Amino acid sequence: MIPISYYFALSAILFALGALGVLIRRNAIIIFMSVELMLNAANLLFVAFARANEALSGQVFVFFVIAVAAAEVAVGLALIVVIFRNRQSIDIDEMSNLKG
């Protein structure tokens, strides 16, 4: 059996990479991918703790997180497509200048 500390280390690395992607990148699609990476890092840790404690609640919680993440991606990508049609760019700096 793999120790839980390995799962924790892998989850921390994935979460840090996702946080760096959100903070450094200017492309909206890469930012969404980074947010998904952070959610998957948290999911990995939930499943690891659930397996270590022999409980099913971690996997149930991960199922709902994945469902919400799928809905978030669908709405987010639809917004990105609409903004790209209007601005011809998906640069985050240009999105901050949106005015109605």
PDB file of N, CA and C in Angstrom:
ATOM      1  N   MET A   1       0.835  -1.176   0.000  1.00  0.00           N
ATOM      2  CA  MET A   1       0.000   0.000   0.000  1.00  0.00           C
ATOM      3  C   MET A   1       0.886   1.248   0.000  1.00  0.00           C
ATOM      4  N   ILE A   2       0.507   2.218  -0.791  1.00  0.00           N
ATOM      5  CA  ILE A   2       1.270   3.462  -0.899  1.00  0.00           C
ATOM      6  C   ILE A   2       0.943   4.353   0.300  1.00  0.00           C
ATOM      7  N   PRO A   3       1.951   4.928   0.937  1.00  0.00           N
ATOM      8  CA  PRO A   3       1.676   5.809   2.092  1.00  0.00           C
ATOM      9  C   PRO A   3       0.910   7.062   1.668  1.00  0.00           C
ATOM     10  N   ILE A   4       0.105   7.569   2.579  1.00  0.00           N
ATOM     11  CA  ILE A   4      -0.720   8.738   2.281  1.00  0.00           C
ATOM     12  C   ILE A   4       0.146   9.976   2.069  1.00  0.00           C
ATOM     13  N   SER A   5       1.350   9.979   2.596  1.00  0.00           N
ATOM     14  CA  SER A   5       2.225  11.139   2.414  1.00  0.00           C
ATOM     15  C   SER A   5       2.606  11.323   0.943  1.00  0.00           C
ATOM     16  N   TYR A   6       2.681  10.241   0.185  1.00  0.00           N
ATOM     17  CA  TYR A   6       2.962  10.352  -1.250  1.00  0.00           C
ATOM     18  C   TYR A   6       1.805  11.048  -1.969  1.00  0.00           C
ATOM     19  N   TYR A   7       0.587  10.657  -1.614  1.00  0.00           N
ATOM     20  CA  TYR A   7      -0.584  11.307  -2.200  1.00  0.00           C
ATOM     21  C   TYR A   7      -0.626  12.785  -1.825  1.00  0.00           C
ATOM     22  N   PHE A   8      -0.295  13.071  -0.573  1.00  0.00           N
ATOM     23  CA  PHE A   8      -0.296  14.463  -0.122  1.00  0.00           C
ATOM     24  C   PHE A   8       0.747  15.276  -0.879  1.00  0.00           C
ATOM     25  N   ALA A   9       1.936  14.718  -1.091  1.00  0.00           N
ATOM     26  CA  ALA A   9       2.990  15.430  -1.819  1.00  0.00           C
ATOM     27  C   ALA A   9       2.581  15.666  -3.278  1.00  0.00           C
ATOM     28  N   LEU A  10       2.036  14.641  -3.920  1.00  0.00           N
ATOM     29  CA  LEU A  10       1.596  14.794  -5.304  1.00  0.00           C
ATOM     30  C   LEU A  10       0.475  15.818  -5.413  1.00  0.00           C
ATOM     31  N   SER A  11      -0.453  15.788  -4.479  1.00  0.00           N
ATOM     32  CA  SER A  11      -1.553  16.749  -4.483  1.00  0.00           C
ATOM     33  C   SER A  11      -1.036  18.170  -4.264  1.00  0.00           C
ATOM     34  N   ALA A  12      -0.069  18.341  -3.386  1.00  0.00           N
ATOM     35  CA  ALA A  12       0.495  19.672  -3.137  1.00  0.00           C
ATOM     36  C   ALA A  12       1.222  20.199  -4.369  1.00  0.00           C
ATOM     37  N   ILE A  13       1.939  19.327  -5.061  1.00  0.00           N
ATOM     38  CA  ILE A  13       2.645  19.736  -6.280  1.00  0.00           C
ATOM     39  C   ILE A  13       1.648  20.147  -7.362  1.00  0.00           C
ATOM     40  N   LEU A  14       0.604  19.339  -7.562  1.00  0.00           N
ATOM     41  CA  LEU A  14      -0.403  19.670  -8.564  1.00  0.00           C
ATOM     42  C   LEU A  14      -1.137  20.963  -8.225  1.00  0.00           C
ATOM     43  N   PHE A  15      -1.453  21.150  -6.944  1.00  0.00           N
ATOM     44  CA  PHE A  15      -2.143  22.373  -6.544  1.00  0.00           C
ATOM     45  C   PHE A  15      -1.243  23.590  -6.739  1.00  0.00           C
ATOM     46  N   ALA A  16       0.029  23.458  -6.428  1.00  0.00           N
ATOM     47  CA  ALA A  16       0.963  24.578  -6.611  1.00  0.00           C
ATOM     48  C   ALA A  16       1.119  24.923  -8.087  1.00  0.00           C
ATOM     49  N   LEU A  17       1.191  23.914  -8.948  1.00  0.00           N
ATOM     50  CA  LEU A  17       1.276  24.174 -10.389  1.00  0.00           C
ATOM     51  C   LEU A  17       0.018  24.872 -10.896  1.00  0.00           C
ATOM     52  N   GLY A  18      -1.132  24.467 -10.402  1.00  0.00           N
ATOM     53  CA  GLY A  18      -2.378  25.121 -10.787  1.00  0.00           C
ATOM     54  C   GLY A  18      -2.440  26.560 -10.301  1.00  0.00           C
ATOM     55  N   ALA A  19      -1.994  26.795  -9.072  1.00  0.00           N
ATOM     56  CA  ALA A  19      -1.999  28.162  -8.537  1.00  0.00           C
ATOM     57  C   ALA A  19      -1.036  29.047  -9.318  1.00  0.00           C
ATOM     58  N   LEU A  20       0.121  28.524  -9.676  1.00  0.00           N
ATOM     59  CA  LEU A  20       1.062  29.293 -10.501  1.00  0.00           C
ATOM     60  C   LEU A  20       0.465  29.609 -11.864  1.00  0.00           C
ATOM     61  N   GLY A  21      -0.249  28.657 -12.436  1.00  0.00           N
ATOM     62  CA  GLY A  21      -0.901  28.891 -13.721  1.00  0.00           C
ATOM     63  C   GLY A  21      -1.938  29.987 -13.651  1.00  0.00           C
ATOM     64  N   VAL A  22      -2.684  30.038 -12.557  1.00  0.00           N
ATOM     65  CA  VAL A  22      -3.696  31.088 -12.398  1.00  0.00           C
ATOM     66  C   VAL A  22      -3.031  32.449 -12.204  1.00  0.00           C
ATOM     67  N   LEU A  23      -1.967  32.489 -11.432  1.00  0.00           N
ATOM     68  CA  LEU A  23      -1.327  33.761 -11.108  1.00  0.00           C
ATOM     69  C   LEU A  23      -0.461  34.321 -12.223  1.00  0.00           C
ATOM     70  N   ILE A  24       0.170  33.458 -13.006  1.00  0.00           N
ATOM     71  CA  ILE A  24       1.147  33.919 -13.991  1.00  0.00           C
ATOM     72  C   ILE A  24       0.549  34.122 -15.376  1.00  0.00           C
ATOM     73  N   ARG A  25      -0.300  33.236 -15.802  1.00  0.00           N
ATOM     74  CA  ARG A  25      -0.784  33.259 -17.185  1.00  0.00           C
ATOM     75  C   ARG A  25      -1.795  34.353 -17.441  1.00  0.00           C
ATOM     76  N   ARG A  26      -1.877  34.782 -18.695  1.00  0.00           N
ATOM     77  CA  ARG A  26      -2.837  35.806 -19.120  1.00  0.00           C
ATOM     78  C   ARG A  26      -3.944  35.229 -19.994  1.00  0.00           C
ATOM     79  N   ASN A  27      -3.786  34.010 -20.473  1.00  0.00           N
ATOM     80  CA  ASN A  27      -4.758  33.382 -21.346  1.00  0.00           C
ATOM     81  C   ASN A  27      -5.882  32.768 -20.506  1.00  0.00           C
ATOM     82  N   ALA A  28      -7.118  33.082 -20.839  1.00  0.00           N
ATOM     83  CA  ALA A  28      -8.262  32.635 -20.048  1.00  0.00           C
ATOM     84  C   ALA A  28      -8.421  31.116 -20.074  1.00  0.00           C
ATOM     85  N   ILE A  29      -8.126  30.481 -21.196  1.00  0.00           N
ATOM     86  CA  ILE A  29      -8.276  29.025 -21.282  1.00  0.00           C
ATOM     87  C   ILE A  29      -7.263  28.331 -20.384  1.00  0.00           C
ATOM     88  N   ILE A  30      -6.045  28.832 -20.348  1.00  0.00           N
ATOM     89  CA  ILE A  30      -5.026  28.238 -19.479  1.00  0.00           C
ATOM     90  C   ILE A  30      -5.382  28.467 -18.015  1.00  0.00           C
ATOM     91  N   ILE A  31      -5.988  29.609 -17.714  1.00  0.00           N
ATOM     92  CA  ILE A  31      -6.420  29.859 -16.333  1.00  0.00           C
ATOM     93  C   ILE A  31      -7.506  28.860 -15.935  1.00  0.00           C
ATOM     94  N   PHE A  32      -8.451  28.582 -16.823  1.00  0.00           N
ATOM     95  CA  PHE A  32      -9.475  27.579 -16.523  1.00  0.00           C
ATOM     96  C   PHE A  32      -8.860  26.196 -16.341  1.00  0.00           C
ATOM     97  N   MET A  33      -7.880  25.860 -17.161  1.00  0.00           N
ATOM     98  CA  MET A  33      -7.210  24.568 -17.005  1.00  0.00           C
ATOM     99  C   MET A  33      -6.464  24.498 -15.676  1.00  0.00           C
ATOM    100  N   SER A  34      -5.895  25.609 -15.249  1.00  0.00           N
ATOM    101  CA  SER A  34      -5.188  25.638 -13.969  1.00  0.00           C
ATOM    102  C   SER A  34      -6.145  25.475 -12.799  1.00  0.00           C
ATOM    103  N   VAL A  35      -7.317  26.077 -12.906  1.00  0.00           N
ATOM    104  CA  VAL A  35      -8.330  25.907 -11.853  1.00  0.00           C
ATOM    105  C   VAL A  35      -8.768  24.451 -11.796  1.00  0.00           C
ATOM    106  N   GLU A  36      -8.932  23.824 -12.929  1.00  0.00           N
ATOM    107  CA  GLU A  36      -9.289  22.405 -12.962  1.00  0.00           C
ATOM    108  C   GLU A  36      -8.186  21.548 -12.355  1.00  0.00           C
ATOM    109  N   LEU A  37      -6.935  21.914 -12.579  1.00  0.00           N
ATOM    110  CA  LEU A  37      -5.821  21.180 -11.988  1.00  0.00           C
ATOM    111  C   LEU A  37      -5.849  21.292 -10.467  1.00  0.00           C
ATOM    112  N   MET A  38      -6.179  22.469  -9.958  1.00  0.00           N
ATOM    113  CA  MET A  38      -6.284  22.638  -8.513  1.00  0.00           C
ATOM    114  C   MET A  38      -7.441  21.818  -7.944  1.00  0.00           C
ATOM    115  N   LEU A  39      -8.582  21.789  -8.639  1.00  0.00           N
ATOM    116  CA  LEU A  39      -9.706  20.976  -8.178  1.00  0.00           C
ATOM    117  C   LEU A  39      -9.358  19.490  -8.180  1.00  0.00           C
ATOM    118  N   ASN A  40      -8.642  19.044  -9.205  1.00  0.00           N
ATOM    119  CA  ASN A  40      -8.259  17.636  -9.258  1.00  0.00           C
ATOM    120  C   ASN A  40      -7.231  17.284  -8.186  1.00  0.00           C
ATOM    121  N   ALA A  41      -6.384  18.236  -7.820  1.00  0.00           N
ATOM    122  CA  ALA A  41      -5.439  17.989  -6.724  1.00  0.00           C
ATOM    123  C   ALA A  41      -6.196  17.794  -5.411  1.00  0.00           C
ATOM    124  N   ALA A  42      -7.207  18.617  -5.188  1.00  0.00           N
ATOM    125  CA  ALA A  42      -8.024  18.455  -3.985  1.00  0.00           C
ATOM    126  C   ALA A  42      -8.792  17.137  -4.023  1.00  0.00           C
ATOM    127  N   ASN A  43      -9.291  16.765  -5.193  1.00  0.00           N
ATOM    128  CA  ASN A  43     -10.007  15.491  -5.330  1.00  0.00           C
ATOM    129  C   ASN A  43      -9.101  14.309  -5.027  1.00  0.00           C
ATOM    130  N   LEU A  44      -7.866  14.372  -5.487  1.00  0.00           N
ATOM    131  CA  LEU A  44      -6.906  13.296  -5.221  1.00  0.00           C
ATOM    132  C   LEU A  44      -6.714  13.120  -3.714  1.00  0.00           C
ATOM    133  N   LEU A  45      -6.615  14.223  -3.012  1.00  0.00           N
ATOM    134  CA  LEU A  45      -6.429  14.145  -1.571  1.00  0.00           C
ATOM    135  C   LEU A  45      -7.673  13.621  -0.864  1.00  0.00           C
ATOM    136  N   PHE A  46      -8.862  14.027  -1.328  1.00  0.00           N
ATOM    137  CA  PHE A  46     -10.096  13.491  -0.751  1.00  0.00           C
ATOM    138  C   PHE A  46     -10.168  11.976  -0.904  1.00  0.00           C
ATOM    139  N   VAL A  47      -9.837  11.489  -2.082  1.00  0.00           N
ATOM    140  CA  VAL A  47      -9.895  10.044  -2.324  1.00  0.00           C
ATOM    141  C   VAL A  47      -8.842   9.318  -1.504  1.00  0.00           C
ATOM    142  N   ALA A  48      -7.655   9.898  -1.388  1.00  0.00           N
ATOM    143  CA  ALA A  48      -6.592   9.251  -0.604  1.00  0.00           C
ATOM    144  C   ALA A  48      -6.982   9.151   0.867  1.00  0.00           C
ATOM    145  N   PHE A  49      -7.530  10.234   1.426  1.00  0.00           N
ATOM    146  CA  PHE A  49      -7.945  10.181   2.825  1.00  0.00           C
ATOM    147  C   PHE A  49      -9.123   9.233   3.023  1.00  0.00           C
ATOM    148  N   ALA A  50     -10.030   9.197   2.074  1.00  0.00           N
ATOM    149  CA  ALA A  50     -11.161   8.281   2.188  1.00  0.00           C
ATOM    150  C   ALA A  50     -10.697   6.829   2.143  1.00  0.00           C
ATOM    151  N   ARG A  51      -9.725   6.556   1.292  1.00  0.00           N
ATOM    152  CA  ARG A  51      -9.208   5.183   1.212  1.00  0.00           C
ATOM    153  C   ARG A  51      -8.433   4.813   2.469  1.00  0.00           C
ATOM    154  N   ALA A  52      -7.671   5.758   3.001  1.00  0.00           N
ATOM    155  CA  ALA A  52      -6.898   5.471   4.210  1.00  0.00           C
ATOM    156  C   ALA A  52      -7.811   5.238   5.410  1.00  0.00           C
ATOM    157  N   ASN A  53      -8.930   5.949   5.480  1.00  0.00           N
ATOM    158  CA  ASN A  53      -9.872   5.794   6.592  1.00  0.00           C
ATOM    159  C   ASN A  53     -10.964   4.773   6.306  1.00  0.00           C
ATOM    160  N   GLU A  54     -10.903   4.155   5.127  1.00  0.00           N
ATOM    161  CA  GLU A  54     -11.883   3.156   4.697  1.00  0.00           C
ATOM    162  C   GLU A  54     -13.307   3.693   4.791  1.00  0.00           C
ATOM    163  N   ALA A  55     -13.472   4.908   4.291  1.00  0.00           N
ATOM    164  CA  ALA A  55     -14.787   5.550   4.274  1.00  0.00           C
ATOM    165  C   ALA A  55     -15.158   5.858   2.828  1.00  0.00           C
ATOM    166  N   LEU A  56     -16.430   5.905   2.558  1.00  0.00           N
ATOM    167  CA  LEU A  56     -16.906   6.176   1.211  1.00  0.00           C
ATOM    168  C   LEU A  56     -17.225   7.655   1.002  1.00  0.00           C
ATOM    169  N   SER A  57     -17.256   8.429   2.060  1.00  0.00           N
ATOM    170  CA  SER A  57     -17.688   9.824   1.962  1.00  0.00           C
ATOM    171  C   SER A  57     -16.755  10.664   1.089  1.00  0.00           C
ATOM    172  N   GLY A  58     -15.470  10.368   1.079  1.00  0.00           N
ATOM    173  CA  GLY A  58     -14.533  11.120   0.244  1.00  0.00           C
ATOM    174  C   GLY A  58     -14.829  10.950  -1.232  1.00  0.00           C
ATOM    175  N   GLN A  59     -15.106   9.720  -1.642  1.00  0.00           N
ATOM    176  CA  GLN A  59     -15.413   9.484  -3.047  1.00  0.00           C
ATOM    177  C   GLN A  59     -16.738  10.098  -3.462  1.00  0.00           C
ATOM    178  N   VAL A  60     -17.708  10.128  -2.566  1.00  0.00           N
ATOM    179  CA  VAL A  60     -18.994  10.753  -2.867  1.00  0.00           C
ATOM    180  C   VAL A  60     -18.803  12.255  -3.044  1.00  0.00           C
ATOM    181  N   PHE A  61     -18.008  12.851  -2.174  1.00  0.00           N
ATOM    182  CA  PHE A  61     -17.742  14.277  -2.272  1.00  0.00           C
ATOM    183  C   PHE A  61     -17.016  14.594  -3.578  1.00  0.00           C
ATOM    184  N   VAL A  62     -16.068  13.755  -3.978  1.00  0.00           N
ATOM    185  CA  VAL A  62     -15.341  13.950  -5.236  1.00  0.00           C
ATOM    186  C   VAL A  62     -16.285  13.870  -6.422  1.00  0.00           C
ATOM    187  N   PHE A  63     -17.251  12.976  -6.375  1.00  0.00           N
ATOM    188  CA  PHE A  63     -18.227  12.866  -7.457  1.00  0.00           C
ATOM    189  C   PHE A  63     -18.965  14.188  -7.651  1.00  0.00           C
ATOM    190  N   PHE A  64     -19.393  14.806  -6.572  1.00  0.00           N
ATOM    191  CA  PHE A  64     -20.109  16.078  -6.679  1.00  0.00           C
ATOM    192  C   PHE A  64     -19.185  17.211  -7.123  1.00  0.00           C
ATOM    193  N   VAL A  65     -17.947  17.199  -6.683  1.00  0.00           N
ATOM    194  CA  VAL A  65     -16.987  18.227  -7.120  1.00  0.00           C
ATOM    195  C   VAL A  65     -16.741  18.117  -8.621  1.00  0.00           C
ATOM    196  N   ILE A  66     -16.622  16.905  -9.134  1.00  0.00           N
ATOM    197  CA  ILE A  66     -16.410  16.717 -10.568  1.00  0.00           C
ATOM    198  C   ILE A  66     -17.639  17.180 -11.354  1.00  0.00           C
ATOM    199  N   ALA A  67     -18.828  16.919 -10.852  1.00  0.00           N
ATOM    200  CA  ALA A  67     -20.047  17.372 -11.534  1.00  0.00           C
ATOM    201  C   ALA A  67     -20.111  18.894 -11.581  1.00  0.00           C
ATOM    202  N   VAL A  68     -19.791  19.550 -10.484  1.00  0.00           N
ATOM    203  CA  VAL A  68     -19.799  21.017 -10.457  1.00  0.00           C
ATOM    204  C   VAL A  68     -18.696  21.572 -11.349  1.00  0.00           C
ATOM    205  N   ALA A  69     -17.537  20.926 -11.371  1.00  0.00           N
ATOM    206  CA  ALA A  69     -16.437  21.383 -12.224  1.00  0.00           C
ATOM    207  C   ALA A  69     -16.796  21.271 -13.702  1.00  0.00           C
ATOM    208  N   ALA A  70     -17.528  20.229 -14.073  1.00  0.00           N
ATOM    209  CA  ALA A  70     -17.943  20.085 -15.469  1.00  0.00           C
ATOM    210  C   ALA A  70     -18.901  21.202 -15.871  1.00  0.00           C
ATOM    211  N   ALA A  71     -19.808  21.541 -14.981  1.00  0.00           N
ATOM    212  CA  ALA A  71     -20.721  22.655 -15.270  1.00  0.00           C
ATOM    213  C   ALA A  71     -19.964  23.973 -15.343  1.00  0.00           C
ATOM    214  N   GLU A  72     -18.989  24.149 -14.472  1.00  0.00           N
ATOM    215  CA  GLU A  72     -18.173  25.372 -14.488  1.00  0.00           C
ATOM    216  C   GLU A  72     -17.410  25.510 -15.801  1.00  0.00           C
ATOM    217  N   VAL A  73     -16.871  24.426 -16.278  1.00  0.00           N
ATOM    218  CA  VAL A  73     -16.122  24.464 -17.543  1.00  0.00           C
ATOM    219  C   VAL A  73     -17.045  24.800 -18.697  1.00  0.00           C
ATOM    220  N   ALA A  74     -18.225  24.239 -18.720  1.00  0.00           N
ATOM    221  CA  ALA A  74     -19.167  24.521 -19.810  1.00  0.00           C
ATOM    222  C   ALA A  74     -19.545  25.996 -19.839  1.00  0.00           C
ATOM    223  N   VAL A  75     -19.860  26.560 -18.687  1.00  0.00           N
ATOM    224  CA  VAL A  75     -20.230  27.974 -18.622  1.00  0.00           C
ATOM    225  C   VAL A  75     -19.025  28.857 -18.918  1.00  0.00           C
ATOM    226  N   GLY A  76     -17.878  28.520 -18.365  1.00  0.00           N
ATOM    227  CA  GLY A  76     -16.672  29.310 -18.589  1.00  0.00           C
ATOM    228  C   GLY A  76     -16.244  29.340 -20.040  1.00  0.00           C
ATOM    229  N   LEU A  77     -16.266  28.189 -20.697  1.00  0.00           N
ATOM    230  CA  LEU A  77     -15.885  28.159 -22.112  1.00  0.00           C
ATOM    231  C   LEU A  77     -16.892  28.905 -22.980  1.00  0.00           C
ATOM    232  N   ALA A  78     -18.167  28.855 -22.618  1.00  0.00           N
ATOM    233  CA  ALA A  78     -19.168  29.628 -23.362  1.00  0.00           C
ATOM    234  C   ALA A  78     -18.898  31.126 -23.221  1.00  0.00           C
ATOM    235  N   LEU A  79     -18.544  31.571 -22.032  1.00  0.00           N
ATOM    236  CA  LEU A  79     -18.193  32.981 -21.832  1.00  0.00           C
ATOM    237  C   LEU A  79     -16.953  33.372 -22.624  1.00  0.00           C
ATOM    238  N   ILE A  80     -15.971  32.491 -22.650  1.00  0.00           N
ATOM    239  CA  ILE A  80     -14.741  32.780 -23.399  1.00  0.00           C
ATOM    240  C   ILE A  80     -15.039  32.900 -24.887  1.00  0.00           C
ATOM    241  N   VAL A  81     -15.889  32.028 -25.414  1.00  0.00           N
ATOM    242  CA  VAL A  81     -16.243  32.093 -26.834  1.00  0.00           C
ATOM    243  C   VAL A  81     -16.953  33.402 -27.158  1.00  0.00           C
ATOM    244  N   VAL A  82     -17.872  33.832 -26.300  1.00  0.00           N
ATOM    245  CA  VAL A  82     -18.596  35.086 -26.528  1.00  0.00           C
ATOM    246  C   VAL A  82     -17.638  36.277 -26.465  1.00  0.00           C
ATOM    247  N   ILE A  83     -16.732  36.277 -25.507  1.00  0.00           N
ATOM    248  CA  ILE A  83     -15.772  37.378 -25.393  1.00  0.00           C
ATOM    249  C   ILE A  83     -14.833  37.384 -26.588  1.00  0.00           C
ATOM    250  N   PHE A  84     -14.412  36.192 -27.052  1.00  0.00           N
ATOM    251  CA  PHE A  84     -13.535  36.141 -28.223  1.00  0.00           C
ATOM    252  C   PHE A  84     -14.243  36.663 -29.462  1.00  0.00           C
ATOM    253  N   ARG A  85     -15.518  36.382 -29.603  1.00  0.00           N
ATOM    254  CA  ARG A  85     -16.263  36.895 -30.765  1.00  0.00           C
ATOM    255  C   ARG A  85     -16.334  38.415 -30.746  1.00  0.00           C
ATOM    256  N   ASN A  86     -16.458  38.998 -29.571  1.00  0.00           N
ATOM    257  CA  ASN A  86     -16.565  40.454 -29.469  1.00  0.00           C
ATOM    258  C   ASN A  86     -15.216  41.163 -29.523  1.00  0.00           C
ATOM    259  N   ARG A  87     -14.199  40.597 -28.898  1.00  0.00           N
ATOM    260  CA  ARG A  87     -12.904  41.275 -28.745  1.00  0.00           C
ATOM    261  C   ARG A  87     -11.803  40.740 -29.659  1.00  0.00           C
ATOM    262  N   GLN A  88     -11.979  39.569 -30.249  1.00  0.00           N
ATOM    263  CA  GLN A  88     -10.970  38.887 -31.072  1.00  0.00           C
ATOM    264  C   GLN A  88      -9.719  38.548 -30.267  1.00  0.00           C
ATOM    265  N   SER A  89      -9.836  38.469 -28.957  1.00  0.00           N
ATOM    266  CA  SER A  89      -8.730  38.102 -28.075  1.00  0.00           C
ATOM    267  C   SER A  89      -9.311  37.568 -26.768  1.00  0.00           C
ATOM    268  N   ILE A  90      -8.556  36.693 -26.118  1.00  0.00           N
ATOM    269  CA  ILE A  90      -8.981  36.190 -24.817  1.00  0.00           C
ATOM    270  C   ILE A  90      -7.951  36.559 -23.750  1.00  0.00           C
ATOM    271  N   ASP A  91      -7.285  37.684 -23.955  1.00  0.00           N
ATOM    272  CA  ASP A  91      -6.308  38.168 -22.997  1.00  0.00           C
ATOM    273  C   ASP A  91      -7.041  38.724 -21.778  1.00  0.00           C
ATOM    274  N   ILE A  92      -6.610  38.336 -20.606  1.00  0.00           N
ATOM    275  CA  ILE A  92      -7.269  38.738 -19.358  1.00  0.00           C
ATOM    276  C   ILE A  92      -7.190  40.245 -19.146  1.00  0.00           C
ATOM    277  N   ASP A  93      -6.084  40.870 -19.545  1.00  0.00           N
ATOM    278  CA  ASP A  93      -5.949  42.318 -19.364  1.00  0.00           C
ATOM    279  C   ASP A  93      -7.000  43.069 -20.160  1.00  0.00           C
ATOM    280  N   GLU A  94      -7.338  42.595 -21.336  1.00  0.00           N
ATOM    281  CA  GLU A  94      -8.377  43.252 -22.144  1.00  0.00           C
ATOM    282  C   GLU A  94      -9.775  43.003 -21.573  1.00  0.00           C
ATOM    283  N   MET A  95      -9.974  41.883 -20.907  1.00  0.00           N
ATOM    284  CA  MET A  95     -11.290  41.585 -20.327  1.00  0.00           C
ATOM    285  C   MET A  95     -11.580  42.490 -19.142  1.00  0.00           C
ATOM    286  N   SER A  96     -10.555  43.003 -18.496  1.00  0.00           N
ATOM    287  CA  SER A  96     -10.802  43.865 -17.340  1.00  0.00           C
ATOM    288  C   SER A  96     -11.327  45.233 -17.761  1.00  0.00           C
ATOM    289  N   ASN A  97     -11.250  45.549 -19.035  1.00  0.00           N
ATOM    290  CA  ASN A  97     -11.732  46.841 -19.534  1.00  0.00           C
ATOM    291  C   ASN A  97     -13.138  46.765 -20.111  1.00  0.00           C
ATOM    292  N   LEU A  98     -13.862  45.692 -19.844  1.00  0.00           N
ATOM    293  CA  LEU A  98     -15.221  45.565 -20.367  1.00  0.00           C
ATOM    294  C   LEU A  98     -16.141  46.571 -19.705  1.00  0.00           C
ATOM    295  N   LYS A  99     -16.879  47.281 -20.528  1.00  0.00           N
ATOM    296  CA  LYS A  99     -17.842  48.257 -20.015  1.00  0.00           C
ATOM    297  C   LYS A  99     -19.137  48.095 -20.774  1.00  0.00           C
ATOM    298  N   GLY A 100     -20.252  48.166 -20.071  1.00  0.00           N
ATOM    299  CA  GLY A 100     -21.558  47.938 -20.661  1.00  0.00           C
ATOM    300  C   GLY A 100     -22.038  49.103 -21.407  1.00  0.00           C
TER     301      GLY A 100
END
